[in-house]
Amino acid sequence: MTPRVTTVTSEPESKSTSSTRTMFWRCGWLTNTLMPSFERLTCAANNVHQANEDRARLLDVQESQLVEMAEGLYGPRKPMKVTNEANEALHREAEKNALSWEDWTRELEQQLSLKWEQREALLVRDKDSDLLVALRRHVEVLSRVQKDAKRVLGVRCREGHLRHDGLLSSLREELRTLKRNHQEEILLSVQEALRAALGDLSFRESANVVCGSCPILEKEKQDLREALQEWERSLMEEVQRRQGMERVWEEEHRRLLESEETTRELQESIQTEQNRYEQTLLSEQGRRQDLEQLVQEQFITLTQERTQSGEDPSPWTRDQLERERHANEEVLYQVEEAHTCLETEKLKLWDQEATSWNWTEWG
């Protein structure tokens, strides 16, 4: 009996424990789930309350302002003295503003003039440096061209003297004819002399057989030997003279080739310098046009600004722009003068070369 009672009492206790645990778990779940929503609702309610308070405060302020404005409009008017003081205060404020505006305008003009002077100084300095470099290069090129021209003219003069003497114009044909004809003539004459000498010797020997040692025959032999030696010596001298003329011709031909190569290089260098100076002139003209356009645009802008501000354009600015334009024209004139000098030097060089060629051809 006892064990049975124990079993019956323990079963309801386990069921109550499980139900209690289930209830606590559900309460915890509800708490965890509903607490954030409750907090959010509380924050929203606080925000709405704060907004209502702010709105009420703003309405109170606006209402007080409207009341003050109404009192000012419909209340008793202030005396005329207060109005005059207000007008005087406004007038003083307007004068103060006008003075401050004039000071600001004057300061702006000073800043603009300072910037313009600095920019003009930079432009003038850059242009002066470019002109100095261009003039230095021009002087170097002219000196080099003059040296080359003197050397070429010297070569042309030597060629003219040689052609005037008749050594260079007909040297090749003369050498060929001497080489072909003179050797043949000398060899033929030597052969004829040898044949004649041999014939005389054979005749003299045959005669010597008859007459023995004749002094006349010995003299003839000696004369023939001397004539043969003289012919051989003249032949050697002619060969040496021909070799010397060949060497002279080769040397002059080499000099002629060198002078032609030098002339061609000089013409190429002159053409290159001419192209470079033309490009420099074009670039200077372009820079001048750009500078004039920039100055014109800045002058128009400054004039418009001063016109809008109610002031006349300063004649000092016009004078400054005119001086700058004259300075730019002077720089361009110097560049054109340098180009003209280069063209004159080239024409002189070409005239001298043409004169030397004509003189040598005439010689």
Protein backbone atom coordinates (compact mmCIF):
# COMPACT_ATOMS: atom_id res chain seq x y z
CA MET A 1 0.00 0.00 0.00
CA THR A 2 2.68 2.49 0.82
CA PRO A 3 4.60 2.32 -2.43
CA ARG A 4 1.44 2.92 -4.38
CA VAL A 5 0.61 6.12 -2.45
CA THR A 6 4.10 7.43 -3.13
CA THR A 7 3.68 6.89 -6.82
CA VAL A 8 0.32 8.71 -6.87
CA THR A 9 1.64 11.80 -5.04
CA SER A 10 4.82 12.16 -7.18
CA GLU A 11 2.99 12.38 -10.54
CA PRO A 12 1.02 15.63 -9.77
CA GLU A 13 4.25 17.27 -8.52
CA SER A 14 6.08 16.61 -11.80
CA LYS A 15 3.18 17.98 -13.83
CA SER A 16 3.02 21.19 -11.79
CA THR A 17 6.77 21.69 -12.14
CA SER A 18 6.65 21.32 -15.91
CA SER A 19 3.69 23.70 -16.21
CA THR A 20 5.50 26.25 -14.04
CA ARG A 21 8.58 26.03 -16.18
CA THR A 22 6.48 26.38 -19.30
CA MET A 23 4.77 29.48 -17.90
CA PHE A 24 8.07 31.08 -16.90
CA TRP A 25 9.51 30.36 -20.32
CA ARG A 26 6.51 31.93 -22.02
CA CYS A 27 6.76 34.98 -19.77
CA GLY A 28 10.44 35.35 -20.60
CA TRP A 29 9.68 35.02 -24.31
CA LEU A 30 6.95 37.63 -24.11
CA THR A 31 9.25 39.92 -22.15
CA ASN A 32 12.06 39.58 -24.68
CA THR A 33 9.67 40.06 -27.58
CA LEU A 34 7.53 42.91 -26.28
CA MET A 35 10.14 44.97 -24.44
CA PRO A 36 11.78 46.46 -27.58
CA SER A 37 8.37 47.39 -28.98
CA PHE A 38 7.43 48.99 -25.69
CA GLU A 39 10.68 50.95 -25.59
CA ARG A 40 10.15 52.15 -29.14
CA LEU A 41 6.62 53.24 -28.32
CA THR A 42 7.90 55.09 -25.26
CA CYS A 43 10.57 56.91 -27.31
CA ALA A 44 8.01 57.82 -29.97
CA ALA A 45 5.65 59.19 -27.33
CA ASN A 46 8.46 61.26 -25.81
CA ASN A 47 9.39 62.64 -29.25
CA VAL A 48 5.79 63.57 -29.98
CA HIS A 49 5.53 65.28 -26.60
CA GLN A 50 8.76 67.20 -27.21
CA ALA A 51 7.57 68.25 -30.67
CA ASN A 52 4.30 69.51 -29.23
CA GLU A 53 6.16 71.52 -26.60
CA ASP A 54 8.47 73.03 -29.21
CA ARG A 55 5.55 73.93 -31.41
CA ALA A 56 3.74 75.56 -28.52
CA ARG A 57 6.84 77.53 -27.60
CA LEU A 58 7.28 78.65 -31.22
CA LEU A 59 3.65 79.73 -31.39
CA ASP A 60 4.11 81.74 -28.19
CA VAL A 61 7.15 83.48 -29.62
CA GLN A 62 5.40 84.26 -32.89
CA GLU A 63 2.39 85.53 -31.00
CA SER A 64 4.55 87.84 -28.89
CA GLN A 65 6.29 89.14 -32.03
CA LEU A 66 2.95 89.76 -33.73
CA VAL A 67 1.73 91.61 -30.64
CA GLU A 68 4.85 93.78 -30.64
CA MET A 69 4.44 94.51 -34.35
CA ALA A 70 0.79 95.43 -33.85
CA GLU A 71 1.68 97.68 -30.96
CA GLY A 72 4.37 99.31 -33.10
CA LEU A 73 1.95 99.87 -35.97
CA TYR A 74 -1.07 101.01 -34.04
CA GLY A 75 0.65 102.49 -31.03
CA PRO A 76 1.57 106.15 -30.54
CA ARG A 77 4.08 107.50 -33.07
CA LYS A 78 7.58 108.45 -31.99
CA PRO A 79 8.65 112.02 -32.22
CA MET A 80 10.30 113.50 -35.31
CA LYS A 81 13.63 113.69 -33.53
CA VAL A 82 13.95 109.92 -33.43
CA THR A 83 13.18 109.77 -37.15
CA ASN A 84 15.86 112.36 -37.96
CA GLU A 85 18.41 110.50 -35.86
CA ALA A 86 17.54 107.29 -37.70
CA ASN A 87 17.91 109.05 -41.05
CA GLU A 88 21.26 110.49 -40.01
CA ALA A 89 22.40 107.07 -38.87
CA LEU A 90 21.31 105.59 -42.18
CA HIS A 91 23.10 108.38 -44.07
CA ARG A 92 26.30 107.82 -42.09
CA GLU A 93 26.06 104.10 -42.74
CA ALA A 94 25.57 104.74 -46.47
CA GLU A 95 28.61 107.07 -46.55
CA LYS A 96 30.64 104.50 -44.67
CA ASN A 97 29.59 101.81 -47.13
CA ALA A 98 30.44 104.10 -50.08
CA LEU A 99 33.89 104.82 -48.62
CA SER A 100 34.50 101.14 -47.99
CA TRP A 101 33.40 100.39 -51.57
CA GLU A 102 35.80 103.01 -52.94
CA ASP A 103 38.62 101.63 -50.80
CA TRP A 104 37.85 98.12 -51.99
CA THR A 105 37.74 99.28 -55.63
CA ARG A 106 41.03 101.15 -55.24
CA GLU A 107 42.67 98.15 -53.61
CA LEU A 108 41.36 95.90 -56.39
CA GLU A 109 42.77 98.26 -59.02
CA GLN A 110 46.13 98.30 -57.26
CA GLN A 111 46.19 94.51 -57.10
CA LEU A 112 45.24 94.25 -60.78
CA SER A 113 47.89 96.78 -61.80
CA LEU A 114 50.51 94.98 -59.69
CA LYS A 115 49.60 91.62 -61.20
CA TRP A 116 49.63 93.13 -64.67
CA GLU A 117 53.07 94.73 -64.10
CA GLN A 118 54.44 91.44 -62.78
CA ARG A 119 53.06 89.54 -65.73
CA GLU A 120 54.36 92.14 -68.16
CA ALA A 121 57.79 91.99 -66.54
CA LEU A 122 57.81 88.20 -66.84
CA LEU A 123 56.74 88.35 -70.48
CA VAL A 124 59.36 90.98 -71.30
CA ARG A 125 62.07 89.03 -69.50
CA ASP A 126 61.17 85.80 -71.31
CA LYS A 127 61.10 87.60 -74.65
CA ASP A 128 64.43 89.31 -73.94
CA SER A 129 66.02 85.98 -73.05
CA ASP A 130 64.61 84.38 -76.21
CA LEU A 131 65.89 87.28 -78.30
CA LEU A 132 69.34 87.09 -76.72
CA VAL A 133 69.50 83.36 -77.42
CA ALA A 134 68.30 83.90 -80.99
CA LEU A 135 70.84 86.70 -81.58
CA ARG A 136 73.65 84.60 -80.12
CA ARG A 137 72.74 81.68 -82.35
CA HIS A 138 72.44 84.03 -85.32
CA VAL A 139 75.93 85.44 -84.68
CA GLU A 140 77.38 81.95 -84.32
CA VAL A 141 75.70 80.76 -87.51
CA LEU A 142 76.85 83.86 -89.41
CA SER A 143 80.44 83.42 -88.25
CA ARG A 144 80.39 79.74 -89.21
CA VAL A 145 78.82 80.54 -92.58
CA GLN A 146 81.40 83.26 -93.24
CA LYS A 147 84.26 80.88 -92.43
CA ASP A 148 82.81 78.20 -94.69
CA ALA A 149 82.21 80.78 -97.40
CA LYS A 150 85.82 81.99 -97.20
CA ARG A 151 87.07 78.44 -97.40
CA VAL A 152 84.82 77.64 -100.36
CA LEU A 153 85.83 80.85 -102.12
CA GLY A 154 89.48 79.99 -101.59
CA VAL A 155 88.93 76.56 -103.10
CA ARG A 156 87.06 78.12 -106.01
CA CYS A 157 89.89 80.59 -106.59
CA ARG A 158 92.44 77.80 -106.63
CA GLU A 159 90.28 75.87 -109.05
CA GLY A 160 89.97 78.99 -111.19
CA HIS A 161 93.75 79.44 -111.31
CA LEU A 162 94.20 75.82 -112.24
CA ARG A 163 91.57 76.03 -114.94
CA HIS A 164 93.06 79.31 -116.17
CA ASP A 165 96.43 77.61 -116.59
CA GLY A 166 94.77 74.86 -118.61
CA LEU A 167 95.68 72.04 -116.24
CA LEU A 168 92.31 71.03 -114.83
CA SER A 169 89.93 71.55 -117.76
CA SER A 170 91.83 69.36 -120.26
CA LEU A 171 93.97 67.33 -117.87
CA ARG A 172 92.03 64.10 -118.20
CA GLU A 173 91.94 64.11 -122.01
CA GLU A 174 95.52 65.29 -122.18
CA LEU A 175 96.69 62.48 -119.93
CA ARG A 176 94.74 59.94 -121.91
CA THR A 177 96.14 61.18 -125.21
CA LEU A 178 99.65 61.39 -123.77
CA LYS A 179 99.28 57.96 -122.34
CA ARG A 180 97.99 56.55 -125.57
CA ASN A 181 99.76 58.56 -128.29
CA HIS A 182 102.97 59.85 -126.83
CA GLN A 183 104.13 56.46 -125.64
CA GLU A 184 103.42 55.02 -129.05
CA GLU A 185 105.30 57.85 -130.74
CA ILE A 186 108.26 57.52 -128.40
CA LEU A 187 108.33 53.76 -128.78
CA LEU A 188 108.10 54.05 -132.56
CA SER A 189 110.83 56.65 -132.66
CA VAL A 190 113.00 54.57 -130.34
CA GLN A 191 112.38 51.48 -132.43
CA GLU A 192 113.21 53.38 -135.62
CA ALA A 193 116.32 54.76 -134.00
CA LEU A 194 117.30 51.31 -132.82
CA ARG A 195 116.67 49.84 -136.24
CA ALA A 196 118.65 52.61 -137.84
CA ALA A 197 121.40 52.19 -135.31
CA LEU A 198 121.43 48.44 -135.81
CA GLY A 199 121.46 48.92 -139.59
CA ASP A 200 124.33 51.36 -139.30
CA LEU A 201 126.15 49.04 -136.94
CA SER A 202 125.69 46.10 -139.26
CA PHE A 203 126.83 48.24 -142.18
CA ARG A 204 129.74 49.55 -140.18
CA GLU A 205 130.67 46.06 -139.06
CA SER A 206 130.57 44.84 -142.63
CA ALA A 207 132.63 47.84 -143.58
CA ASN A 208 134.90 47.22 -140.64
CA VAL A 209 135.60 43.80 -141.94
CA VAL A 210 136.88 45.44 -145.05
CA CYS A 211 138.59 48.50 -143.61
CA GLY A 212 139.49 47.32 -140.10
CA SER A 213 139.41 49.70 -137.17
CA CYS A 214 138.45 52.98 -138.80
CA PRO A 215 138.28 56.05 -136.47
CA ILE A 216 135.28 57.40 -138.39
CA LEU A 217 133.40 54.20 -137.66
CA GLU A 218 134.26 54.43 -133.98
CA LYS A 219 133.01 58.00 -133.90
CA GLU A 220 129.74 57.02 -135.53
CA LYS A 221 129.30 54.25 -132.97
CA GLN A 222 129.91 56.69 -130.15
CA ASP A 223 127.40 59.16 -131.62
CA LEU A 224 124.80 56.44 -131.97
CA ARG A 225 125.33 55.33 -128.39
CA GLU A 226 124.98 58.92 -127.13
CA ALA A 227 121.83 59.44 -129.21
CA LEU A 228 120.38 56.20 -127.84
CA GLN A 229 121.15 57.28 -124.27
CA GLU A 230 119.62 60.69 -124.97
CA TRP A 231 116.45 59.05 -126.27
CA GLU A 232 116.27 56.81 -123.22
CA ARG A 233 116.80 59.79 -120.89
CA SER A 234 114.09 61.83 -122.65
CA LEU A 235 111.78 58.82 -122.44
CA MET A 236 112.36 58.52 -118.69
CA GLU A 237 111.81 62.26 -118.20
CA GLU A 238 108.57 62.09 -120.17
CA VAL A 239 107.39 59.14 -118.10
CA GLN A 240 108.25 60.99 -114.88
CA ARG A 241 106.52 64.15 -116.12
CA ARG A 242 103.43 62.10 -116.99
CA GLN A 243 103.43 60.48 -113.55
CA GLY A 244 103.77 63.90 -111.93
CA MET A 245 100.87 65.22 -114.00
CA GLU A 246 98.79 62.19 -112.97
CA ARG A 247 99.55 62.86 -109.32
CA VAL A 248 98.68 66.54 -109.73
CA TRP A 249 95.45 65.61 -111.48
CA GLU A 250 94.53 63.14 -108.74
CA GLU A 251 95.28 65.72 -106.04
CA GLU A 252 93.24 68.42 -107.77
CA HIS A 253 90.43 65.97 -108.44
CA ARG A 254 90.41 65.07 -104.74
CA ARG A 255 90.34 68.76 -103.81
CA LEU A 256 87.53 69.33 -106.26
CA LEU A 257 85.50 66.51 -104.71
CA GLU A 258 86.20 67.88 -101.23
CA SER A 259 85.17 71.38 -102.29
CA GLU A 260 81.98 70.05 -103.88
CA GLU A 261 81.19 68.10 -100.71
CA THR A 262 81.91 71.18 -98.59
CA THR A 263 79.73 73.31 -100.85
CA ARG A 264 76.89 70.82 -100.63
CA GLU A 265 77.18 70.65 -96.84
CA LEU A 266 77.28 74.44 -96.67
CA GLN A 267 74.18 74.73 -98.84
CA GLU A 268 72.41 72.17 -96.65
CA SER A 269 73.42 74.04 -93.49
CA ILE A 270 72.27 77.33 -95.03
CA GLN A 271 68.95 75.76 -95.98
CA THR A 272 68.59 74.29 -92.49
CA GLU A 273 69.35 77.63 -90.85
CA GLN A 274 66.95 79.37 -93.21
CA ASN A 275 64.18 76.91 -92.33
CA ARG A 276 64.94 77.28 -88.63
CA TYR A 277 64.89 81.07 -88.82
CA GLU A 278 61.65 80.98 -90.79
CA GLN A 279 60.12 78.72 -88.15
CA THR A 280 61.45 81.03 -85.42
CA LEU A 281 59.98 84.02 -87.22
CA LEU A 282 56.62 82.28 -87.60
CA SER A 283 56.63 81.29 -83.93
CA GLU A 284 57.54 84.85 -82.91
CA GLN A 285 54.72 86.19 -85.06
CA GLY A 286 52.33 83.68 -83.51
CA ARG A 287 53.47 84.61 -80.01
CA ARG A 288 53.08 88.27 -80.87
CA GLN A 289 49.54 87.71 -82.14
CA ASP A 290 48.71 85.66 -79.03
CA LEU A 291 50.18 88.36 -76.81
CA GLU A 292 48.26 91.10 -78.62
CA GLN A 293 45.06 89.08 -78.37
CA LEU A 294 45.68 88.46 -74.65
CA VAL A 295 46.37 92.14 -74.04
CA GLN A 296 43.27 93.12 -75.98
CA GLU A 297 41.12 90.65 -74.04
CA GLN A 298 42.52 91.86 -70.71
CA PHE A 299 42.00 95.47 -71.73
CA ILE A 300 38.40 94.74 -72.78
CA THR A 301 37.77 92.86 -69.52
CA LEU A 302 39.23 95.68 -67.43
CA THR A 303 37.23 98.25 -69.39
CA GLN A 304 34.03 96.29 -68.90
CA GLU A 305 34.69 95.93 -65.18
CA ARG A 306 35.32 99.64 -64.78
CA THR A 307 32.31 100.46 -66.94
CA GLN A 308 30.13 98.25 -64.78
CA SER A 309 31.51 99.89 -61.65
CA GLY A 310 30.67 103.32 -63.10
CA GLU A 311 34.25 104.53 -63.71
CA ASP A 312 36.04 105.56 -66.87
CA PRO A 313 38.92 103.38 -68.10
CA SER A 314 42.21 104.73 -66.95
CA PRO A 315 44.36 106.40 -69.64
CA TRP A 316 47.39 105.07 -67.78
CA THR A 317 46.31 101.54 -68.68
CA ARG A 318 45.91 102.53 -72.33
CA ASP A 319 49.37 104.11 -72.35
CA GLN A 320 50.84 101.01 -70.76
CA LEU A 321 49.19 98.78 -73.36
CA GLU A 322 50.40 101.06 -76.15
CA ARG A 323 53.96 100.95 -74.77
CA GLU A 324 53.80 97.17 -74.60
CA ARG A 325 52.50 97.00 -78.15
CA HIS A 326 55.33 99.26 -79.35
CA ALA A 327 57.84 97.10 -77.45
CA ASN A 328 56.47 93.96 -79.10
CA GLU A 329 56.63 95.66 -82.50
CA GLU A 330 60.24 96.65 -81.80
CA VAL A 331 61.10 93.04 -80.90
CA LEU A 332 59.44 91.79 -84.09
CA TYR A 333 61.31 94.44 -86.08
CA GLN A 334 64.62 93.20 -84.64
CA VAL A 335 63.74 89.63 -85.57
CA GLU A 336 62.84 90.74 -89.10
CA GLU A 337 66.12 92.68 -89.35
CA ALA A 338 68.05 89.56 -88.30
CA HIS A 339 66.17 87.56 -90.94
CA THR A 340 66.93 90.25 -93.56
CA CYS A 341 70.64 90.20 -92.63
CA LEU A 342 70.67 86.43 -93.02
CA GLU A 343 69.02 86.70 -96.45
CA THR A 344 71.54 89.39 -97.48
CA GLU A 345 74.48 87.23 -96.39
CA LYS A 346 73.05 84.28 -98.31
CA LEU A 347 72.59 86.39 -101.45
CA LYS A 348 76.15 87.72 -101.18
CA LEU A 349 77.48 84.20 -100.76
CA TRP A 350 75.51 82.94 -103.74
CA ASP A 351 76.66 85.91 -105.88
CA GLN A 352 80.28 85.29 -104.96
CA GLU A 353 79.92 81.60 -105.72
CA ALA A 354 78.25 82.32 -109.07
CA THR A 355 80.97 84.86 -109.92
CA SER A 356 83.72 82.38 -109.05
CA TRP A 357 82.04 79.68 -111.14
CA ASN A 358 81.68 82.05 -114.14
CA TRP A 359 85.27 83.17 -113.83
CA THR A 360 86.55 79.61 -113.64
CA GLU A 361 84.43 78.57 -116.62
CA TRP A 362 85.76 81.55 -118.60
CA GLY A 363 89.30 80.61 -117.61
